[in-house]
Amino acid sequence: MYLAWSEADIARLINIVESQTDYERNQVNWIKVQTYFQERTIQQCKSFYCNKIRPFIFQPNGLRKNDVKFVHICYFYFIHRPVPDPYEQLDKKIGRILAEQCWSDILSAFYSEEYVFSKKLLQAVQCLLSYHFQMEQEITTALKTQGKYQKFGYTVTKDKWNEFKAVTEKHNIIKMFQFVNTELAKMESAKIL
């Protein structure tokens, strides 16, 4: 018998999955998650989370319009790094967790020798980096004239922007962008052959 997921169940599932995720290994302890949902199986918890909540951004077949918007929202999330609010709305909570997962996957892809790049992840990274180059001048100008920049409900301050710029320099974002473009070109040429 199918048991519907209430808003409270969904919010609880999101919080529990977040707390049971090993971001270094990018693994969720589904056995532990299920202990909070005795009336459901591990598969029901995992299936609902993966199919309804988890980033649709990593599904195959290229980025859709919604995926691109999600990547752009993630970009501002990465700059802002908000502290989770216990009274956060469900859509904000889902967005925050999806953004955290996206960032974790991107860093795992670049810094783990065992990680296999999916085309979808490469496209998401390419979209994210392209957006960074597009927004960089706009944000810098706004910070000089207004002292802050707002988009998608996030406020970018000079301090947040300087922290983020330090991260982009540390991870050599231009080299990362070149690598992503090269890998995507290889995938495209392999598909043609």
C-alpha atoms as a PDB file:
ATOM      1  CA  MET A   1       0.000   0.000   0.000  1.00  0.00           C
ATOM      2  CA  TYR A   2       1.342   3.453  -0.992  1.00  0.00           C
ATOM      3  CA  LEU A   3       1.783   5.893   1.879  1.00  0.00           C
ATOM      4  CA  ALA A   4       1.710   9.553   0.757  1.00  0.00           C
ATOM      5  CA  TRP A   5       4.492  11.898   1.833  1.00  0.00           C
ATOM      6  CA  SER A   6       3.193  14.894   3.804  1.00  0.00           C
ATOM      7  CA  GLU A   7       5.017  18.232   3.837  1.00  0.00           C
ATOM      8  CA  ALA A   8       6.286  17.446   7.328  1.00  0.00           C
ATOM      9  CA  ASP A   9       7.587  14.052   6.129  1.00  0.00           C
ATOM     10  CA  ILE A  10       9.341  15.680   3.182  1.00  0.00           C
ATOM     11  CA  ALA A  11      10.949  18.347   5.375  1.00  0.00           C
ATOM     12  CA  ARG A  12      12.042  15.666   7.851  1.00  0.00           C
ATOM     13  CA  LEU A  13      13.435  13.486   5.042  1.00  0.00           C
ATOM     14  CA  ILE A  14      15.453  16.405   3.666  1.00  0.00           C
ATOM     15  CA  ASN A  15      16.920  17.201   7.090  1.00  0.00           C
ATOM     16  CA  ILE A  16      17.721  13.578   7.877  1.00  0.00           C
ATOM     17  CA  VAL A  17      19.303  12.865   4.493  1.00  0.00           C
ATOM     18  CA  GLU A  18      21.396  16.014   4.901  1.00  0.00           C
ATOM     19  CA  SER A  19      22.586  14.872   8.327  1.00  0.00           C
ATOM     20  CA  GLN A  20      23.286  11.331   7.070  1.00  0.00           C
ATOM     21  CA  THR A  21      25.308  12.388   4.000  1.00  0.00           C
ATOM     22  CA  ASP A  22      29.066  11.902   3.937  1.00  0.00           C
ATOM     23  CA  TYR A  23      29.996  14.756   1.585  1.00  0.00           C
ATOM     24  CA  GLU A  24      33.601  13.606   1.212  1.00  0.00           C
ATOM     25  CA  ARG A  25      32.440  10.256  -0.157  1.00  0.00           C
ATOM     26  CA  ASN A  26      29.165  11.644  -1.542  1.00  0.00           C
ATOM     27  CA  GLN A  27      27.244   8.827   0.160  1.00  0.00           C
ATOM     28  CA  VAL A  28      23.982   8.742   2.087  1.00  0.00           C
ATOM     29  CA  ASN A  29      23.529   6.271   4.937  1.00  0.00           C
ATOM     30  CA  TRP A  30      20.081   5.075   3.793  1.00  0.00           C
ATOM     31  CA  ILE A  31      19.855   2.465   6.572  1.00  0.00           C
ATOM     32  CA  LYS A  32      20.153   5.246   9.172  1.00  0.00           C
ATOM     33  CA  VAL A  33      17.703   7.462   7.222  1.00  0.00           C
ATOM     34  CA  GLN A  34      15.111   4.677   7.210  1.00  0.00           C
ATOM     35  CA  THR A  35      15.275   4.316  11.004  1.00  0.00           C
ATOM     36  CA  TYR A  36      13.463   7.681  11.199  1.00  0.00           C
ATOM     37  CA  PHE A  37      10.686   6.375   8.914  1.00  0.00           C
ATOM     38  CA  GLN A  38       9.681   3.024  10.424  1.00  0.00           C
ATOM     39  CA  GLU A  39       6.510   2.881   8.298  1.00  0.00           C
ATOM     40  CA  ARG A  40       8.578   3.016   5.070  1.00  0.00           C
ATOM     41  CA  THR A  41      11.217   0.800   3.498  1.00  0.00           C
ATOM     42  CA  ILE A  42      14.755   1.940   2.690  1.00  0.00           C
ATOM     43  CA  GLN A  43      13.833   1.771  -0.993  1.00  0.00           C
ATOM     44  CA  GLN A  44      10.786   4.033  -0.494  1.00  0.00           C
ATOM     45  CA  CYS A  45      12.896   6.653   1.308  1.00  0.00           C
ATOM     46  CA  LYS A  46      15.691   6.482  -1.234  1.00  0.00           C
ATOM     47  CA  SER A  47      13.361   6.432  -4.240  1.00  0.00           C
ATOM     48  CA  PHE A  48      11.294   9.415  -3.090  1.00  0.00           C
ATOM     49  CA  TYR A  49      14.363  11.452  -2.227  1.00  0.00           C
ATOM     50  CA  CYS A  50      16.251  10.598  -5.411  1.00  0.00           C
ATOM     51  CA  ASN A  51      13.266  11.011  -7.744  1.00  0.00           C
ATOM     52  CA  LYS A  52      11.451  13.983  -6.192  1.00  0.00           C
ATOM     53  CA  ILE A  53      13.983  15.998  -4.227  1.00  0.00           C
ATOM     54  CA  ARG A  54      17.553  15.299  -5.288  1.00  0.00           C
ATOM     55  CA  PRO A  55      19.080  17.508  -7.979  1.00  0.00           C
ATOM     56  CA  PHE A  56      17.389  16.872 -11.286  1.00  0.00           C
ATOM     57  CA  ILE A  57      20.489  18.590 -12.609  1.00  0.00           C
ATOM     58  CA  PHE A  58      22.370  15.286 -12.759  1.00  0.00           C
ATOM     59  CA  GLN A  59      19.904  13.388 -14.951  1.00  0.00           C
ATOM     60  CA  PRO A  60      21.169  12.415 -18.428  1.00  0.00           C
ATOM     61  CA  ASN A  61      20.412  14.091 -21.794  1.00  0.00           C
ATOM     62  CA  GLY A  62      21.748  17.608 -21.370  1.00  0.00           C
ATOM     63  CA  LEU A  63      20.696  20.623 -19.340  1.00  0.00           C
ATOM     64  CA  ARG A  64      17.081  21.734 -19.547  1.00  0.00           C
ATOM     65  CA  LYS A  65      15.913  25.308 -18.957  1.00  0.00           C
ATOM     66  CA  ASN A  66      15.025  24.538 -15.301  1.00  0.00           C
ATOM     67  CA  ASP A  67      18.437  22.939 -14.784  1.00  0.00           C
ATOM     68  CA  VAL A  68      20.189  26.071 -16.055  1.00  0.00           C
ATOM     69  CA  LYS A  69      18.136  28.256 -13.693  1.00  0.00           C
ATOM     70  CA  PHE A  70      18.991  25.884 -10.830  1.00  0.00           C
ATOM     71  CA  VAL A  71      22.710  26.157 -11.662  1.00  0.00           C
ATOM     72  CA  HIS A  72      22.402  29.959 -11.639  1.00  0.00           C
ATOM     73  CA  ILE A  73      20.670  29.852  -8.237  1.00  0.00           C
ATOM     74  CA  CYS A  74      23.434  27.530  -6.987  1.00  0.00           C
ATOM     75  CA  TYR A  75      25.994  30.106  -8.071  1.00  0.00           C
ATOM     76  CA  PHE A  76      24.506  32.704  -5.719  1.00  0.00           C
ATOM     77  CA  TYR A  77      24.132  30.084  -3.016  1.00  0.00           C
ATOM     78  CA  PHE A  78      27.879  29.318  -3.309  1.00  0.00           C
ATOM     79  CA  ILE A  79      28.743  32.996  -2.913  1.00  0.00           C
ATOM     80  CA  HIS A  80      26.323  33.633  -0.055  1.00  0.00           C
ATOM     81  CA  ARG A  81      26.685  30.353   1.913  1.00  0.00           C
ATOM     82  CA  PRO A  82      23.659  31.070   4.149  1.00  0.00           C
ATOM     83  CA  VAL A  83      23.364  29.568   7.607  1.00  0.00           C
ATOM     84  CA  PRO A  84      20.432  27.095   7.570  1.00  0.00           C
ATOM     85  CA  ASP A  85      17.327  28.587   9.148  1.00  0.00           C
ATOM     86  CA  PRO A  86      15.221  26.135  11.202  1.00  0.00           C
ATOM     87  CA  TYR A  87      12.082  27.917   9.940  1.00  0.00           C
ATOM     88  CA  GLU A  88      13.173  27.885   6.303  1.00  0.00           C
ATOM     89  CA  GLN A  89      10.388  27.317   3.738  1.00  0.00           C
ATOM     90  CA  LEU A  90      10.325  23.879   2.125  1.00  0.00           C
ATOM     91  CA  ASP A  91      11.301  25.101  -1.348  1.00  0.00           C
ATOM     92  CA  LYS A  92      14.209  27.090   0.126  1.00  0.00           C
ATOM     93  CA  LYS A  93      15.240  24.065   2.167  1.00  0.00           C
ATOM     94  CA  ILE A  94      15.155  21.827  -0.912  1.00  0.00           C
ATOM     95  CA  GLY A  95      17.072  24.446  -2.906  1.00  0.00           C
ATOM     96  CA  ARG A  96      19.734  24.735  -0.212  1.00  0.00           C
ATOM     97  CA  ILE A  97      20.262  20.995  -0.019  1.00  0.00           C
ATOM     98  CA  LEU A  98      20.331  20.644  -3.800  1.00  0.00           C
ATOM     99  CA  ALA A  99      22.902  23.428  -4.012  1.00  0.00           C
ATOM    100  CA  GLU A 100      25.044  21.776  -1.326  1.00  0.00           C
ATOM    101  CA  GLN A 101      24.844  18.467  -3.186  1.00  0.00           C
ATOM    102  CA  CYS A 102      25.734  20.148  -6.489  1.00  0.00           C
ATOM    103  CA  TRP A 103      28.778  21.847  -4.944  1.00  0.00           C
ATOM    104  CA  SER A 104      29.860  18.600  -3.278  1.00  0.00           C
ATOM    105  CA  ASP A 105      29.607  16.694  -6.573  1.00  0.00           C
ATOM    106  CA  ILE A 106      31.588  19.343  -8.447  1.00  0.00           C
ATOM    107  CA  LEU A 107      34.434  19.356  -5.923  1.00  0.00           C
ATOM    108  CA  SER A 108      34.418  15.549  -5.739  1.00  0.00           C
ATOM    109  CA  ALA A 109      34.680  15.378  -9.526  1.00  0.00           C
ATOM    110  CA  PHE A 110      37.743  17.584  -9.645  1.00  0.00           C
ATOM    111  CA  TYR A 111      39.618  16.304  -6.623  1.00  0.00           C
ATOM    112  CA  SER A 112      38.923  12.563  -6.492  1.00  0.00           C
ATOM    113  CA  GLU A 113      40.857  10.271  -8.833  1.00  0.00           C
ATOM    114  CA  GLU A 114      38.112   7.639  -8.581  1.00  0.00           C
ATOM    115  CA  TYR A 115      35.318   9.977  -9.672  1.00  0.00           C
ATOM    116  CA  VAL A 116      33.974   9.370 -13.159  1.00  0.00           C
ATOM    117  CA  PHE A 117      32.672  12.466 -14.893  1.00  0.00           C
ATOM    118  CA  SER A 118      29.169  12.259 -16.268  1.00  0.00           C
ATOM    119  CA  LYS A 119      28.292  14.434 -19.228  1.00  0.00           C
ATOM    120  CA  LYS A 120      25.535  16.007 -17.130  1.00  0.00           C
ATOM    121  CA  LEU A 121      27.948  17.037 -14.377  1.00  0.00           C
ATOM    122  CA  LEU A 122      30.391  18.488 -16.909  1.00  0.00           C
ATOM    123  CA  GLN A 123      27.555  20.458 -18.509  1.00  0.00           C
ATOM    124  CA  ALA A 124      26.465  21.746 -15.092  1.00  0.00           C
ATOM    125  CA  VAL A 125      30.024  22.830 -14.271  1.00  0.00           C
ATOM    126  CA  GLN A 126      30.378  24.465 -17.695  1.00  0.00           C
ATOM    127  CA  CYS A 127      27.100  26.321 -17.149  1.00  0.00           C
ATOM    128  CA  LEU A 128      28.196  27.398 -13.660  1.00  0.00           C
ATOM    129  CA  LEU A 129      31.607  28.641 -14.794  1.00  0.00           C
ATOM    130  CA  SER A 130      30.184  30.424 -17.847  1.00  0.00           C
ATOM    131  CA  TYR A 131      27.689  32.138 -15.561  1.00  0.00           C
ATOM    132  CA  HIS A 132      30.514  33.175 -13.237  1.00  0.00           C
ATOM    133  CA  PHE A 133      32.389  34.858 -16.098  1.00  0.00           C
ATOM    134  CA  GLN A 134      29.134  36.512 -17.206  1.00  0.00           C
ATOM    135  CA  MET A 135      28.223  37.778 -13.703  1.00  0.00           C
ATOM    136  CA  GLU A 136      31.690  38.753 -12.463  1.00  0.00           C
ATOM    137  CA  GLN A 137      31.722  42.255 -13.983  1.00  0.00           C
ATOM    138  CA  GLU A 138      28.062  42.905 -13.137  1.00  0.00           C
ATOM    139  CA  ILE A 139      28.549  41.993  -9.466  1.00  0.00           C
ATOM    140  CA  THR A 140      31.847  43.897  -9.158  1.00  0.00           C
ATOM    141  CA  THR A 141      30.254  47.047 -10.628  1.00  0.00           C
ATOM    142  CA  ALA A 142      27.185  46.796  -8.358  1.00  0.00           C
ATOM    143  CA  LEU A 143      29.379  46.360  -5.278  1.00  0.00           C
ATOM    144  CA  LYS A 144      31.358  49.505  -6.173  1.00  0.00           C
ATOM    145  CA  THR A 145      28.249  51.629  -6.748  1.00  0.00           C
ATOM    146  CA  GLN A 146      25.690  50.148  -4.320  1.00  0.00           C
ATOM    147  CA  GLY A 147      27.762  48.134  -1.847  1.00  0.00           C
ATOM    148  CA  LYS A 148      25.714  44.971  -2.492  1.00  0.00           C
ATOM    149  CA  TYR A 149      24.152  42.865  -5.250  1.00  0.00           C
ATOM    150  CA  GLN A 150      20.863  40.938  -4.982  1.00  0.00           C
ATOM    151  CA  LYS A 151      19.514  38.069  -7.063  1.00  0.00           C
ATOM    152  CA  PHE A 152      17.365  34.958  -6.450  1.00  0.00           C
ATOM    153  CA  GLY A 153      16.781  36.067  -2.849  1.00  0.00           C
ATOM    154  CA  TYR A 154      20.511  36.162  -2.023  1.00  0.00           C
ATOM    155  CA  THR A 155      22.475  39.295  -1.150  1.00  0.00           C
ATOM    156  CA  VAL A 156      26.123  39.442  -2.188  1.00  0.00           C
ATOM    157  CA  THR A 157      28.200  41.767  -0.003  1.00  0.00           C
ATOM    158  CA  LYS A 158      31.800  42.857  -0.584  1.00  0.00           C
ATOM    159  CA  ASP A 159      33.017  40.451   2.112  1.00  0.00           C
ATOM    160  CA  LYS A 160      31.111  37.493   0.640  1.00  0.00           C
ATOM    161  CA  TRP A 161      32.333  38.371  -2.858  1.00  0.00           C
ATOM    162  CA  ASN A 162      35.977  38.638  -1.723  1.00  0.00           C
ATOM    163  CA  GLU A 163      35.717  35.247   0.017  1.00  0.00           C
ATOM    164  CA  PHE A 164      34.216  33.718  -3.119  1.00  0.00           C
ATOM    165  CA  LYS A 165      36.879  35.290  -5.376  1.00  0.00           C
ATOM    166  CA  ALA A 166      39.579  33.785  -3.136  1.00  0.00           C
ATOM    167  CA  VAL A 167      37.969  30.351  -3.613  1.00  0.00           C
ATOM    168  CA  THR A 168      37.821  30.756  -7.410  1.00  0.00           C
ATOM    169  CA  GLU A 169      41.505  31.694  -7.463  1.00  0.00           C
ATOM    170  CA  LYS A 170      42.422  28.797  -5.165  1.00  0.00           C
ATOM    171  CA  HIS A 171      40.660  26.298  -7.425  1.00  0.00           C
ATOM    172  CA  ASN A 172      42.067  27.953 -10.582  1.00  0.00           C
ATOM    173  CA  ILE A 173      38.676  28.461 -12.175  1.00  0.00           C
ATOM    174  CA  ILE A 174      40.039  29.292 -15.654  1.00  0.00           C
ATOM    175  CA  LYS A 175      41.998  26.024 -15.797  1.00  0.00           C
ATOM    176  CA  MET A 176      38.896  24.191 -14.562  1.00  0.00           C
ATOM    177  CA  PHE A 177      36.818  25.796 -17.327  1.00  0.00           C
ATOM    178  CA  GLN A 178      39.365  24.778 -19.988  1.00  0.00           C
ATOM    179  CA  PHE A 179      39.378  21.211 -18.645  1.00  0.00           C
ATOM    180  CA  VAL A 180      35.572  20.977 -18.730  1.00  0.00           C
ATOM    181  CA  ASN A 181      35.385  22.306 -22.291  1.00  0.00           C
ATOM    182  CA  THR A 182      38.075  19.834 -23.414  1.00  0.00           C
ATOM    183  CA  GLU A 183      36.292  16.878 -21.759  1.00  0.00           C
ATOM    184  CA  LEU A 184      32.933  17.817 -23.299  1.00  0.00           C
ATOM    185  CA  ALA A 185      34.586  18.177 -26.729  1.00  0.00           C
ATOM    186  CA  LYS A 186      36.124  14.688 -26.310  1.00  0.00           C
ATOM    187  CA  MET A 187      32.699  13.251 -25.440  1.00  0.00           C
ATOM    188  CA  GLU A 188      31.125  14.901 -28.476  1.00  0.00           C
ATOM    189  CA  SER A 189      33.845  13.678 -30.856  1.00  0.00           C
ATOM    190  CA  ALA A 190      33.630  10.139 -29.401  1.00  0.00           C
ATOM    191  CA  LYS A 191      29.869  10.210 -30.019  1.00  0.00           C
ATOM    192  CA  ILE A 192      30.424  11.256 -33.657  1.00  0.00           C
ATOM    193  CA  LEU A 193      32.953   8.441 -34.219  1.00  0.00           C
END
